[in-house]
Amino acid sequence: MGFPETFKALADPVRREILLMLRDGRMAAGDIAARFDMTGATVSYHLSQLKKAELIYETREKNFIYYSLNLSVFEEIMLWFNQFTNATDSEPADSNASAAEETTVTEETTNGGIANENQ
């Protein structure tokens, strides 16, 4: 799986709707198509784009094709996104408070460590 294909697949609102439908469990291709006001070929195109991005997989049973979410790809995406939230966890929540602390330390150092009562 590559992130470019994944994000391209996720960019389309129809494909995102299909993914939301599949979060409750696998669905037959016909049931997915029935929920949209578009041709079967168009729905099939969207499903193939989701498969190409490995966001879903298909299983064939007799005359039916069922689609399911590939949760491992979603987990990989979440891990990738999580690296951005973890980077901010180590920073102070209030950047203004941090700046005020630095100013106080600088003033004390400038005054030789003696606090000026007139400030």
PDB file of N, CA and C in Angstrom:
ATOM      1  N   MET A   1       0.837  -1.174   0.000  1.00  0.00           N
ATOM      2  CA  MET A   1       0.000   0.000   0.000  1.00  0.00           C
ATOM      3  C   MET A   1       0.881   1.235   0.000  1.00  0.00           C
ATOM      4  N   GLY A   2       0.486   2.208  -0.785  1.00  0.00           N
ATOM      5  CA  GLY A   2       1.180   3.478  -0.778  1.00  0.00           C
ATOM      6  C   GLY A   2       0.224   4.575  -0.339  1.00  0.00           C
ATOM      7  N   PHE A   3       0.749   5.516   0.395  1.00  0.00           N
ATOM      8  CA  PHE A   3      -0.093   6.608   0.873  1.00  0.00           C
ATOM      9  C   PHE A   3      -0.702   7.431  -0.260  1.00  0.00           C
ATOM     10  N   PRO A   4       0.003   7.660  -1.371  1.00  0.00           N
ATOM     11  CA  PRO A   4      -0.641   8.425  -2.453  1.00  0.00           C
ATOM     12  C   PRO A   4      -1.931   7.779  -2.948  1.00  0.00           C
ATOM     13  N   GLU A   5      -1.913   6.451  -3.151  1.00  0.00           N
ATOM     14  CA  GLU A   5      -3.121   5.761  -3.603  1.00  0.00           C
ATOM     15  C   GLU A   5      -4.212   5.811  -2.538  1.00  0.00           C
ATOM     16  N   THR A   6      -3.811   5.687  -1.288  1.00  0.00           N
ATOM     17  CA  THR A   6      -4.776   5.709  -0.191  1.00  0.00           C
ATOM     18  C   THR A   6      -5.466   7.059  -0.116  1.00  0.00           C
ATOM     19  N   PHE A   7      -4.686   8.135  -0.125  1.00  0.00           N
ATOM     20  CA  PHE A   7      -5.279   9.460  -0.010  1.00  0.00           C
ATOM     21  C   PHE A   7      -6.099   9.825  -1.238  1.00  0.00           C
ATOM     22  N   LYS A   8      -5.673   9.353  -2.400  1.00  0.00           N
ATOM     23  CA  LYS A   8      -6.460   9.586  -3.609  1.00  0.00           C
ATOM     24  C   LYS A   8      -7.812   8.891  -3.488  1.00  0.00           C
ATOM     25  N   ALA A   9      -7.810   7.673  -2.996  1.00  0.00           N
ATOM     26  CA  ALA A   9      -9.067   6.942  -2.827  1.00  0.00           C
ATOM     27  C   ALA A   9      -9.967   7.607  -1.789  1.00  0.00           C
ATOM     28  N   LEU A  10      -9.375   8.109  -0.726  1.00  0.00           N
ATOM     29  CA  LEU A  10     -10.149   8.752   0.336  1.00  0.00           C
ATOM     30  C   LEU A  10     -10.658  10.136  -0.063  1.00  0.00           C
ATOM     31  N   ALA A  11     -10.118  10.710  -1.113  1.00  0.00           N
ATOM     32  CA  ALA A  11     -10.501  12.062  -1.520  1.00  0.00           C
ATOM     33  C   ALA A  11     -11.918  12.125  -2.084  1.00  0.00           C
ATOM     34  N   ASP A  12     -12.440  11.021  -2.553  1.00  0.00           N
ATOM     35  CA  ASP A  12     -13.757  11.021  -3.186  1.00  0.00           C
ATOM     36  C   ASP A  12     -14.853  10.756  -2.157  1.00  0.00           C
ATOM     37  N   PRO A  13     -15.892  11.589  -2.118  1.00  0.00           N
ATOM     38  CA  PRO A  13     -16.958  11.406  -1.128  1.00  0.00           C
ATOM     39  C   PRO A  13     -17.747  10.109  -1.293  1.00  0.00           C
ATOM     40  N   VAL A  14     -17.906   9.629  -2.514  1.00  0.00           N
ATOM     41  CA  VAL A  14     -18.614   8.355  -2.724  1.00  0.00           C
ATOM     42  C   VAL A  14     -17.821   7.215  -2.098  1.00  0.00           C
ATOM     43  N   ARG A  15     -16.525   7.232  -2.295  1.00  0.00           N
ATOM     44  CA  ARG A  15     -15.690   6.167  -1.730  1.00  0.00           C
ATOM     45  C   ARG A  15     -15.680   6.236  -0.205  1.00  0.00           C
ATOM     46  N   ARG A  16     -15.675   7.434   0.345  1.00  0.00           N
ATOM     47  CA  ARG A  16     -15.741   7.554   1.807  1.00  0.00           C
ATOM     48  C   ARG A  16     -17.075   7.019   2.321  1.00  0.00           C
ATOM     49  N   GLU A  17     -18.141   7.253   1.574  1.00  0.00           N
ATOM     50  CA  GLU A  17     -19.457   6.734   1.972  1.00  0.00           C
ATOM     51  C   GLU A  17     -19.467   5.201   1.925  1.00  0.00           C
ATOM     52  N   ILE A  18     -18.852   4.629   0.931  1.00  0.00           N
ATOM     53  CA  ILE A  18     -18.757   3.165   0.846  1.00  0.00           C
ATOM     54  C   ILE A  18     -18.000   2.625   2.063  1.00  0.00           C
ATOM     55  N   LEU A  19     -16.907   3.281   2.425  1.00  0.00           N
ATOM     56  CA  LEU A  19     -16.140   2.837   3.596  1.00  0.00           C
ATOM     57  C   LEU A  19     -16.984   2.908   4.869  1.00  0.00           C
ATOM     58  N   LEU A  20     -17.772   3.958   4.998  1.00  0.00           N
ATOM     59  CA  LEU A  20     -18.648   4.070   6.169  1.00  0.00           C
ATOM     60  C   LEU A  20     -19.690   2.957   6.188  1.00  0.00           C
ATOM     61  N   MET A  21     -20.204   2.599   5.023  1.00  0.00           N
ATOM     62  CA  MET A  21     -21.172   1.506   4.935  1.00  0.00           C
ATOM     63  C   MET A  21     -20.541   0.186   5.369  1.00  0.00           C
ATOM     64  N   LEU A  22     -19.278  -0.004   5.031  1.00  0.00           N
ATOM     65  CA  LEU A  22     -18.601  -1.268   5.321  1.00  0.00           C
ATOM     66  C   LEU A  22     -18.111  -1.384   6.763  1.00  0.00           C
ATOM     67  N   ARG A  23     -18.155  -0.309   7.528  1.00  0.00           N
ATOM     68  CA  ARG A  23     -17.678  -0.403   8.911  1.00  0.00           C
ATOM     69  C   ARG A  23     -18.562  -1.302   9.764  1.00  0.00           C
ATOM     70  N   ASP A  24     -19.799  -1.502   9.333  1.00  0.00           N
ATOM     71  CA  ASP A  24     -20.702  -2.390  10.074  1.00  0.00           C
ATOM     72  C   ASP A  24     -20.554  -3.854   9.671  1.00  0.00           C
ATOM     73  N   GLY A  25     -19.740  -4.122   8.677  1.00  0.00           N
ATOM     74  CA  GLY A  25     -19.526  -5.501   8.236  1.00  0.00           C
ATOM     75  C   GLY A  25     -19.530  -5.599   6.724  1.00  0.00           C
ATOM     76  N   ARG A  26     -19.256  -6.776   6.245  1.00  0.00           N
ATOM     77  CA  ARG A  26     -19.148  -6.973   4.802  1.00  0.00           C
ATOM     78  C   ARG A  26     -20.500  -6.783   4.126  1.00  0.00           C
ATOM     79  N   MET A  27     -20.428  -6.394   2.863  1.00  0.00           N
ATOM     80  CA  MET A  27     -21.636  -6.179   2.066  1.00  0.00           C
ATOM     81  C   MET A  27     -21.420  -6.725   0.665  1.00  0.00           C
ATOM     82  N   ALA A  28     -22.492  -7.174   0.081  1.00  0.00           N
ATOM     83  CA  ALA A  28     -22.450  -7.628  -1.306  1.00  0.00           C
ATOM     84  C   ALA A  28     -22.387  -6.411  -2.225  1.00  0.00           C
ATOM     85  N   ALA A  29     -21.758  -6.590  -3.362  1.00  0.00           N
ATOM     86  CA  ALA A  29     -21.605  -5.498  -4.323  1.00  0.00           C
ATOM     87  C   ALA A  29     -22.966  -4.924  -4.721  1.00  0.00           C
ATOM     88  N   GLY A  30     -23.939  -5.769  -4.921  1.00  0.00           N
ATOM     89  CA  GLY A  30     -25.282  -5.308  -5.304  1.00  0.00           C
ATOM     90  C   GLY A  30     -25.935  -4.463  -4.226  1.00  0.00           C
ATOM     91  N   ASP A  31     -25.718  -4.826  -2.957  1.00  0.00           N
ATOM     92  CA  ASP A  31     -26.277  -4.039  -1.854  1.00  0.00           C
ATOM     93  C   ASP A  31     -25.619  -2.664  -1.768  1.00  0.00           C
ATOM     94  N   ILE A  32     -24.338  -2.611  -2.041  1.00  0.00           N
ATOM     95  CA  ILE A  32     -23.630  -1.327  -2.054  1.00  0.00           C
ATOM     96  C   ILE A  32     -24.169  -0.465  -3.188  1.00  0.00           C
ATOM     97  N   ALA A  33     -24.271  -1.045  -4.372  1.00  0.00           N
ATOM     98  CA  ALA A  33     -24.744  -0.300  -5.546  1.00  0.00           C
ATOM     99  C   ALA A  33     -26.169   0.201  -5.359  1.00  0.00           C
ATOM    100  N   ALA A  34     -27.003  -0.556  -4.660  1.00  0.00           N
ATOM    101  CA  ALA A  34     -28.407  -0.175  -4.465  1.00  0.00           C
ATOM    102  C   ALA A  34     -28.552   1.106  -3.648  1.00  0.00           C
ATOM    103  N   ARG A  35     -27.554   1.457  -2.884  1.00  0.00           N
ATOM    104  CA  ARG A  35     -27.634   2.652  -2.030  1.00  0.00           C
ATOM    105  C   ARG A  35     -27.231   3.935  -2.747  1.00  0.00           C
ATOM    106  N   PHE A  36     -26.822   3.808  -4.001  1.00  0.00           N
ATOM    107  CA  PHE A  36     -26.383   4.976  -4.760  1.00  0.00           C
ATOM    108  C   PHE A  36     -27.238   5.158  -6.001  1.00  0.00           C
ATOM    109  N   ASP A  37     -27.401   6.390  -6.398  1.00  0.00           N
ATOM    110  CA  ASP A  37     -28.135   6.714  -7.615  1.00  0.00           C
ATOM    111  C   ASP A  37     -27.133   6.889  -8.752  1.00  0.00           C
ATOM    112  N   MET A  38     -26.479   5.787  -9.098  1.00  0.00           N
ATOM    113  CA  MET A  38     -25.498   5.794 -10.186  1.00  0.00           C
ATOM    114  C   MET A  38     -25.463   4.406 -10.807  1.00  0.00           C
ATOM    115  N   THR A  39     -24.829   4.314 -11.943  1.00  0.00           N
ATOM    116  CA  THR A  39     -24.785   3.028 -12.639  1.00  0.00           C
ATOM    117  C   THR A  39     -23.931   2.023 -11.868  1.00  0.00           C
ATOM    118  N   GLY A  40     -24.191   0.768 -12.131  1.00  0.00           N
ATOM    119  CA  GLY A  40     -23.387  -0.289 -11.526  1.00  0.00           C
ATOM    120  C   GLY A  40     -21.923  -0.181 -11.912  1.00  0.00           C
ATOM    121  N   ALA A  41     -21.673   0.260 -13.143  1.00  0.00           N
ATOM    122  CA  ALA A  41     -20.292   0.415 -13.604  1.00  0.00           C
ATOM    123  C   ALA A  41     -19.560   1.504 -12.808  1.00  0.00           C
ATOM    124  N   THR A  42     -20.271   2.561 -12.449  1.00  0.00           N
ATOM    125  CA  THR A  42     -19.649   3.638 -11.675  1.00  0.00           C
ATOM    126  C   THR A  42     -19.322   3.159 -10.271  1.00  0.00           C
ATOM    127  N   VAL A  43     -20.248   2.428  -9.666  1.00  0.00           N
ATOM    128  CA  VAL A  43     -19.994   1.877  -8.328  1.00  0.00           C
ATOM    129  C   VAL A  43     -18.837   0.894  -8.391  1.00  0.00           C
ATOM    130  N   SER A  44     -18.810   0.095  -9.439  1.00  0.00           N
ATOM    131  CA  SER A  44     -17.721  -0.865  -9.616  1.00  0.00           C
ATOM    132  C   SER A  44     -16.375  -0.146  -9.733  1.00  0.00           C
ATOM    133  N   TYR A  45     -16.353   0.991 -10.414  1.00  0.00           N
ATOM    134  CA  TYR A  45     -15.125   1.782 -10.535  1.00  0.00           C
ATOM    135  C   TYR A  45     -14.662   2.242  -9.154  1.00  0.00           C
ATOM    136  N   HIS A  46     -15.592   2.756  -8.352  1.00  0.00           N
ATOM    137  CA  HIS A  46     -15.232   3.218  -7.007  1.00  0.00           C
ATOM    138  C   HIS A  46     -14.715   2.062  -6.152  1.00  0.00           C
ATOM    139  N   LEU A  47     -15.342   0.922  -6.248  1.00  0.00           N
ATOM    140  CA  LEU A  47     -14.881  -0.254  -5.503  1.00  0.00           C
ATOM    141  C   LEU A  47     -13.486  -0.672  -5.954  1.00  0.00           C
ATOM    142  N   SER A  48     -13.233  -0.596  -7.245  1.00  0.00           N
ATOM    143  CA  SER A  48     -11.902  -0.990  -7.741  1.00  0.00           C
ATOM    144  C   SER A  48     -10.835  -0.011  -7.259  1.00  0.00           C
ATOM    145  N   GLN A  49     -11.173   1.268  -7.144  1.00  0.00           N
ATOM    146  CA  GLN A  49     -10.216   2.247  -6.625  1.00  0.00           C
ATOM    147  C   GLN A  49      -9.918   1.987  -5.143  1.00  0.00           C
ATOM    148  N   LEU A  50     -10.937   1.609  -4.387  1.00  0.00           N
ATOM    149  CA  LEU A  50     -10.728   1.274  -2.979  1.00  0.00           C
ATOM    150  C   LEU A  50      -9.894   0.001  -2.841  1.00  0.00           C
ATOM    151  N   LYS A  51     -10.115  -0.965  -3.733  1.00  0.00           N
ATOM    152  CA  LYS A  51      -9.306  -2.183  -3.714  1.00  0.00           C
ATOM    153  C   LYS A  51      -7.860  -1.878  -4.106  1.00  0.00           C
ATOM    154  N   LYS A  52      -7.679  -1.029  -5.097  1.00  0.00           N
ATOM    155  CA  LYS A  52      -6.332  -0.654  -5.546  1.00  0.00           C
ATOM    156  C   LYS A  52      -5.555  -0.003  -4.399  1.00  0.00           C
ATOM    157  N   ALA A  53      -6.244   0.773  -3.581  1.00  0.00           N
ATOM    158  CA  ALA A  53      -5.616   1.414  -2.427  1.00  0.00           C
ATOM    159  C   ALA A  53      -5.534   0.468  -1.233  1.00  0.00           C
ATOM    160  N   GLU A  54      -6.033  -0.740  -1.404  1.00  0.00           N
ATOM    161  CA  GLU A  54      -6.040  -1.784  -0.376  1.00  0.00           C
ATOM    162  C   GLU A  54      -6.839  -1.396   0.869  1.00  0.00           C
ATOM    163  N   LEU A  55      -7.808  -0.494   0.690  1.00  0.00           N
ATOM    164  CA  LEU A  55      -8.680  -0.116   1.808  1.00  0.00           C
ATOM    165  C   LEU A  55      -9.785  -1.139   2.029  1.00  0.00           C
ATOM    166  N   ILE A  56     -10.109  -1.890   0.971  1.00  0.00           N
ATOM    167  CA  ILE A  56     -11.105  -2.957   1.073  1.00  0.00           C
ATOM    168  C   ILE A  56     -10.560  -4.191   0.374  1.00  0.00           C
ATOM    169  N   TYR A  57     -11.175  -5.298   0.671  1.00  0.00           N
ATOM    170  CA  TYR A  57     -10.857  -6.520  -0.064  1.00  0.00           C
ATOM    171  C   TYR A  57     -12.158  -7.229  -0.387  1.00  0.00           C
ATOM    172  N   GLU A  58     -12.094  -8.086  -1.371  1.00  0.00           N
ATOM    173  CA  GLU A  58     -13.294  -8.800  -1.803  1.00  0.00           C
ATOM    174  C   GLU A  58     -13.148 -10.289  -1.572  1.00  0.00           C
ATOM    175  N   THR A  59     -14.270 -10.901  -1.306  1.00  0.00           N
ATOM    176  CA  THR A  59     -14.336 -12.363  -1.236  1.00  0.00           C
ATOM    177  C   THR A  59     -15.494 -12.804  -2.119  1.00  0.00           C
ATOM    178  N   ARG A  60     -15.284 -13.891  -2.813  1.00  0.00           N
ATOM    179  CA  ARG A  60     -16.322 -14.416  -3.711  1.00  0.00           C
ATOM    180  C   ARG A  60     -16.935 -15.659  -3.095  1.00  0.00           C
ATOM    181  N   GLU A  61     -18.250 -15.654  -3.057  1.00  0.00           N
ATOM    182  CA  GLU A  61     -18.999 -16.815  -2.589  1.00  0.00           C
ATOM    183  C   GLU A  61     -20.126 -17.083  -3.572  1.00  0.00           C
ATOM    184  N   LYS A  62     -20.016 -18.200  -4.222  1.00  0.00           N
ATOM    185  CA  LYS A  62     -20.967 -18.577  -5.270  1.00  0.00           C
ATOM    186  C   LYS A  62     -21.061 -17.459  -6.300  1.00  0.00           C
ATOM    187  N   ASN A  63     -22.245 -16.866  -6.480  1.00  0.00           N
ATOM    188  CA  ASN A  63     -22.417 -15.823  -7.492  1.00  0.00           C
ATOM    189  C   ASN A  63     -22.310 -14.410  -6.926  1.00  0.00           C
ATOM    190  N   PHE A  64     -21.826 -14.280  -5.702  1.00  0.00           N
ATOM    191  CA  PHE A  64     -21.780 -12.972  -5.061  1.00  0.00           C
ATOM    192  C   PHE A  64     -20.345 -12.562  -4.747  1.00  0.00           C
ATOM    193  N   ILE A  65     -20.131 -11.251  -4.794  1.00  0.00           N
ATOM    194  CA  ILE A  65     -18.860 -10.679  -4.367  1.00  0.00           C
ATOM    195  C   ILE A  65     -19.153  -9.822  -3.146  1.00  0.00           C
ATOM    196  N   TYR A  66     -18.435 -10.094  -2.068  1.00  0.00           N
ATOM    197  CA  TYR A  66     -18.598  -9.339  -0.831  1.00  0.00           C
ATOM    198  C   TYR A  66     -17.370  -8.472  -0.601  1.00  0.00           C
ATOM    199  N   TYR A  67     -17.620  -7.294  -0.073  1.00  0.00           N
ATOM    200  CA  TYR A  67     -16.534  -6.358   0.220  1.00  0.00           C
ATOM    201  C   TYR A  67     -16.461  -6.115   1.716  1.00  0.00           C
ATOM    202  N   SER A  68     -15.238  -6.022   2.220  1.00  0.00           N
ATOM    203  CA  SER A  68     -14.977  -5.774   3.634  1.00  0.00           C
ATOM    204  C   SER A  68     -13.851  -4.765   3.765  1.00  0.00           C
ATOM    205  N   LEU A  69     -13.815  -4.100   4.900  1.00  0.00           N
ATOM    206  CA  LEU A  69     -12.723  -3.165   5.180  1.00  0.00           C
ATOM    207  C   LEU A  69     -11.436  -3.930   5.454  1.00  0.00           C
ATOM    208  N   ASN A  70     -10.348  -3.384   5.017  1.00  0.00           N
ATOM    209  CA  ASN A  70      -9.030  -3.907   5.342  1.00  0.00           C
ATOM    210  C   ASN A  70      -8.519  -3.070   6.516  1.00  0.00           C
ATOM    211  N   LEU A  71      -8.801  -3.500   7.715  1.00  0.00           N
ATOM    212  CA  LEU A  71      -8.505  -2.707   8.904  1.00  0.00           C
ATOM    213  C   LEU A  71      -7.016  -2.483   9.121  1.00  0.00           C
ATOM    214  N   SER A  72      -6.176  -3.371   8.630  1.00  0.00           N
ATOM    215  CA  SER A  72      -4.735  -3.176   8.824  1.00  0.00           C
ATOM    216  C   SER A  72      -4.246  -1.913   8.125  1.00  0.00           C
ATOM    217  N   VAL A  73      -4.839  -1.568   6.992  1.00  0.00           N
ATOM    218  CA  VAL A  73      -4.455  -0.343   6.289  1.00  0.00           C
ATOM    219  C   VAL A  73      -4.921   0.874   7.091  1.00  0.00           C
ATOM    220  N   PHE A  74      -6.111   0.798   7.654  1.00  0.00           N
ATOM    221  CA  PHE A  74      -6.591   1.908   8.478  1.00  0.00           C
ATOM    222  C   PHE A  74      -5.704   2.090   9.709  1.00  0.00           C
ATOM    223  N   GLU A  75      -5.267   0.995  10.289  1.00  0.00           N
ATOM    224  CA  GLU A  75      -4.363   1.088  11.439  1.00  0.00           C
ATOM    225  C   GLU A  75      -3.045   1.734  11.049  1.00  0.00           C
ATOM    226  N   GLU A  76      -2.527   1.378   9.884  1.00  0.00           N
ATOM    227  CA  GLU A  76      -1.278   1.964   9.410  1.00  0.00           C
ATOM    228  C   GLU A  76      -1.432   3.462   9.173  1.00  0.00           C
ATOM    229  N   ILE A  77      -2.559   3.873   8.621  1.00  0.00           N
ATOM    230  CA  ILE A  77      -2.831   5.300   8.404  1.00  0.00           C
ATOM    231  C   ILE A  77      -2.910   6.024   9.743  1.00  0.00           C
ATOM    232  N   MET A  78      -3.606   5.415  10.710  1.00  0.00           N
ATOM    233  CA  MET A  78      -3.744   6.042  12.026  1.00  0.00           C
ATOM    234  C   MET A  78      -2.380   6.183  12.707  1.00  0.00           C
ATOM    235  N   LEU A  79      -1.535   5.175  12.584  1.00  0.00           N
ATOM    236  CA  LEU A  79      -0.186   5.275  13.151  1.00  0.00           C
ATOM    237  C   LEU A  79       0.598   6.411  12.509  1.00  0.00           C
ATOM    238  N   TRP A  80       0.431   6.555  11.209  1.00  0.00           N
ATOM    239  CA  TRP A  80       1.136   7.618  10.511  1.00  0.00           C
ATOM    240  C   TRP A  80       0.635   8.985  10.993  1.00  0.00           C
ATOM    241  N   PHE A  81      -0.704   9.153  11.104  1.00  0.00           N
ATOM    242  CA  PHE A  81      -1.262  10.411  11.594  1.00  0.00           C
ATOM    243  C   PHE A  81      -0.873  10.653  13.049  1.00  0.00           C
ATOM    244  N   ASN A  82      -0.790   9.610  13.817  1.00  0.00           N
ATOM    245  CA  ASN A  82      -0.503   9.726  15.241  1.00  0.00           C
ATOM    246  C   ASN A  82       0.873  10.332  15.510  1.00  0.00           C
ATOM    247  N   GLN A  83       1.801  10.176  14.601  1.00  0.00           N
ATOM    248  CA  GLN A  83       3.127  10.747  14.808  1.00  0.00           C
ATOM    249  C   GLN A  83       3.063  12.269  14.881  1.00  0.00           C
ATOM    250  N   PHE A  84       2.053  12.874  14.279  1.00  0.00           N
ATOM    251  CA  PHE A  84       1.918  14.324  14.335  1.00  0.00           C
ATOM    252  C   PHE A  84       1.328  14.773  15.667  1.00  0.00           C
ATOM    253  N   THR A  85       0.416  13.993  16.227  1.00  0.00           N
ATOM    254  CA  THR A  85      -0.162  14.368  17.512  1.00  0.00           C
ATOM    255  C   THR A  85       0.822  14.093  18.638  1.00  0.00           C
ATOM    256  N   ASN A  86       1.632  13.066  18.537  1.00  0.00           N
ATOM    257  CA  ASN A  86       2.611  12.764  19.576  1.00  0.00           C
ATOM    258  C   ASN A  86       3.700  13.830  19.636  1.00  0.00           C
ATOM    259  N   ALA A  87       4.007  14.457  18.523  1.00  0.00           N
ATOM    260  CA  ALA A  87       5.046  15.486  18.510  1.00  0.00           C
ATOM    261  C   ALA A  87       4.618  16.695  19.324  1.00  0.00           C
ATOM    262  N   THR A  88       3.334  16.977  19.373  1.00  0.00           N
ATOM    263  CA  THR A  88       2.852  18.144  20.111  1.00  0.00           C
ATOM    264  C   THR A  88       2.616  17.829  21.578  1.00  0.00           C
ATOM    265  N   ASP A  89       2.593  16.566  21.961  1.00  0.00           N
ATOM    266  CA  ASP A  89       2.365  16.200  23.363  1.00  0.00           C
ATOM    267  C   ASP A  89       3.495  16.675  24.267  1.00  0.00           C
ATOM    268  N   SER A  90       4.709  16.794  23.746  1.00  0.00           N
ATOM    269  CA  SER A  90       5.840  17.181  24.578  1.00  0.00           C
ATOM    270  C   SER A  90       5.969  18.698  24.717  1.00  0.00           C
ATOM    271  N   GLU A  91       5.216  19.446  23.916  1.00  0.00           N
ATOM    272  CA  GLU A  91       5.257  20.896  23.987  1.00  0.00           C
ATOM    273  C   GLU A  91       4.255  21.392  25.025  1.00  0.00           C
ATOM    274  N   PRO A  92       4.509  22.569  25.631  1.00  0.00           N
ATOM    275  CA  PRO A  92       3.557  23.108  26.593  1.00  0.00           C
ATOM    276  C   PRO A  92       2.212  23.394  25.938  1.00  0.00           C
ATOM    277  N   ALA A  93       1.144  23.207  26.693  1.00  0.00           N
ATOM    278  CA  ALA A  93      -0.187  23.436  26.164  1.00  0.00           C
ATOM    279  C   ALA A  93      -0.415  24.912  25.877  1.00  0.00           C
ATOM    280  N   ASP A  94       0.162  25.793  26.698  1.00  0.00           N
ATOM    281  CA  ASP A  94      -0.014  27.228  26.524  1.00  0.00           C
ATOM    282  C   ASP A  94       1.321  27.841  26.150  1.00  0.00           C
ATOM    283  N   SER A  95       1.495  28.189  24.883  1.00  0.00           N
ATOM    284  CA  SER A  95       2.778  28.726  24.425  1.00  0.00           C
ATOM    285  C   SER A  95       3.047  30.095  25.033  1.00  0.00           C
ATOM    286  N   ASN A  96       2.008  30.861  25.396  1.00  0.00           N
ATOM    287  CA  ASN A  96       2.216  32.162  26.032  1.00  0.00           C
ATOM    288  C   ASN A  96       2.813  31.996  27.420  1.00  0.00           C
ATOM    289  N   ALA A  97       2.395  30.974  28.159  1.00  0.00           N
ATOM    290  CA  ALA A  97       2.956  30.719  29.485  1.00  0.00           C
ATOM    291  C   ALA A  97       4.442  30.414  29.375  1.00  0.00           C
ATOM    292  N   SER A  98       4.825  29.658  28.365  1.00  0.00           N
ATOM    293  CA  SER A  98       6.224  29.321  28.160  1.00  0.00           C
ATOM    294  C   SER A  98       7.043  30.570  27.878  1.00  0.00           C
ATOM    295  N   ALA A  99       6.505  31.476  27.063  1.00  0.00           N
ATOM    296  CA  ALA A  99       7.208  32.715  26.732  1.00  0.00           C
ATOM    297  C   ALA A  99       7.359  33.589  27.982  1.00  0.00           C
ATOM    298  N   ALA A 100       6.343  33.613  28.848  1.00  0.00           N
ATOM    299  CA  ALA A 100       6.408  34.409  30.078  1.00  0.00           C
ATOM    300  C   ALA A 100       7.471  33.861  31.015  1.00  0.00           C
ATOM    301  N   GLU A 101       7.580  32.533  31.102  1.00  0.00           N
ATOM    302  CA  GLU A 101       8.599  31.918  31.948  1.00  0.00           C
ATOM    303  C   GLU A 101       9.992  32.273  31.452  1.00  0.00           C
ATOM    304  N   GLU A 102      10.202  32.254  30.144  1.00  0.00           N
ATOM    305  CA  GLU A 102      11.506  32.583  29.573  1.00  0.00           C
ATOM    306  C   GLU A 102      11.862  34.035  29.853  1.00  0.00           C
ATOM    307  N   THR A 103      10.890  34.941  29.803  1.00  0.00           N
ATOM    308  CA  THR A 103      11.138  36.356  30.073  1.00  0.00           C
ATOM    309  C   THR A 103      11.555  36.555  31.517  1.00  0.00           C
ATOM    310  N   THR A 104      10.892  35.861  32.460  1.00  0.00           N
ATOM    311  CA  THR A 104      11.221  35.967  33.873  1.00  0.00           C
ATOM    312  C   THR A 104      12.637  35.489  34.131  1.00  0.00           C
ATOM    313  N   VAL A 105      13.011  34.366  33.546  1.00  0.00           N
ATOM    314  CA  VAL A 105      14.353  33.824  33.727  1.00  0.00           C
ATOM    315  C   VAL A 105      15.378  34.796  33.169  1.00  0.00           C
ATOM    316  N   THR A 106      15.116  35.394  32.014  1.00  0.00           N
ATOM    317  CA  THR A 106      16.046  36.337  31.401  1.00  0.00           C
ATOM    318  C   THR A 106      16.213  37.572  32.277  1.00  0.00           C
ATOM    319  N   GLU A 107      15.124  38.108  32.833  1.00  0.00           N
ATOM    320  CA  GLU A 107      15.204  39.295  33.690  1.00  0.00           C
ATOM    321  C   GLU A 107      16.000  39.007  34.956  1.00  0.00           C
ATOM    322  N   GLU A 108      15.785  37.819  35.565  1.00  0.00           N
ATOM    323  CA  GLU A 108      16.514  37.467  36.775  1.00  0.00           C
ATOM    324  C   GLU A 108      18.000  37.336  36.489  1.00  0.00           C
ATOM    325  N   THR A 109      18.327  36.745  35.342  1.00  0.00           N
ATOM    326  CA  THR A 109      19.724  36.569  34.975  1.00  0.00           C
ATOM    327  C   THR A 109      20.375  37.923  34.717  1.00  0.00           C
ATOM    328  N   THR A 110      19.662  38.819  34.077  1.00  0.00           N
ATOM    329  CA  THR A 110      20.185  40.150  33.771  1.00  0.00           C
ATOM    330  C   THR A 110      20.431  40.942  35.055  1.00  0.00           C
ATOM    331  N   ASN A 111      19.583  40.771  36.052  1.00  0.00           N
ATOM    332  CA  ASN A 111      19.720  41.489  37.316  1.00  0.00           C
ATOM    333  C   ASN A 111      20.638  40.764  38.291  1.00  0.00           C
ATOM    334  N   GLY A 112      21.379  39.822  37.840  1.00  0.00           N
ATOM    335  CA  GLY A 112      22.303  39.087  38.687  1.00  0.00           C
ATOM    336  C   GLY A 112      21.595  38.148  39.648  1.00  0.00           C
ATOM    337  N   GLY A 113      20.380  37.711  39.282  1.00  0.00           N
ATOM    338  CA  GLY A 113      19.655  36.776  40.119  1.00  0.00           C
ATOM    339  C   GLY A 113      18.874  37.461  41.222  1.00  0.00           C
ATOM    340  N   ILE A 114      18.895  38.795  41.274  1.00  0.00           N
ATOM    341  CA  ILE A 114      18.168  39.537  42.304  1.00  0.00           C
ATOM    342  C   ILE A 114      16.900  40.101  41.673  1.00  0.00           C
ATOM    343  N   ALA A 115      15.765  39.801  42.253  1.00  0.00           N
ATOM    344  CA  ALA A 115      14.508  40.290  41.743  1.00  0.00           C
ATOM    345  C   ALA A 115      14.381  41.786  42.026  1.00  0.00           C
ATOM    346  N   ASN A 116      13.917  42.525  41.054  1.00  0.00           N
ATOM    347  CA  ASN A 116      13.742  43.975  41.190  1.00  0.00           C
ATOM    348  C   ASN A 116      12.328  44.223  41.671  1.00  0.00           C
ATOM    349  N   GLU A 117      12.175  44.832  42.873  1.00  0.00           N
ATOM    350  CA  GLU A 117      10.851  45.050  43.451  1.00  0.00           C
ATOM    351  C   GLU A 117      10.079  46.112  42.713  1.00  0.00           C
ATOM    352  N   ASN A 118      10.713  46.968  41.938  1.00  0.00           N
ATOM    353  CA  ASN A 118      10.040  48.045  41.228  1.00  0.00           C
ATOM    354  C   ASN A 118       9.408  47.587  39.932  1.00  0.00           C
ATOM    355  N   GLN A 119       9.570  46.324  39.555  1.00  0.00           N
ATOM    356  CA  GLN A 119       9.002  45.833  38.292  1.00  0.00           C
ATOM    357  C   GLN A 119       7.551  45.557  38.431  1.00  0.00           C
TER     358      GLN A 119
END
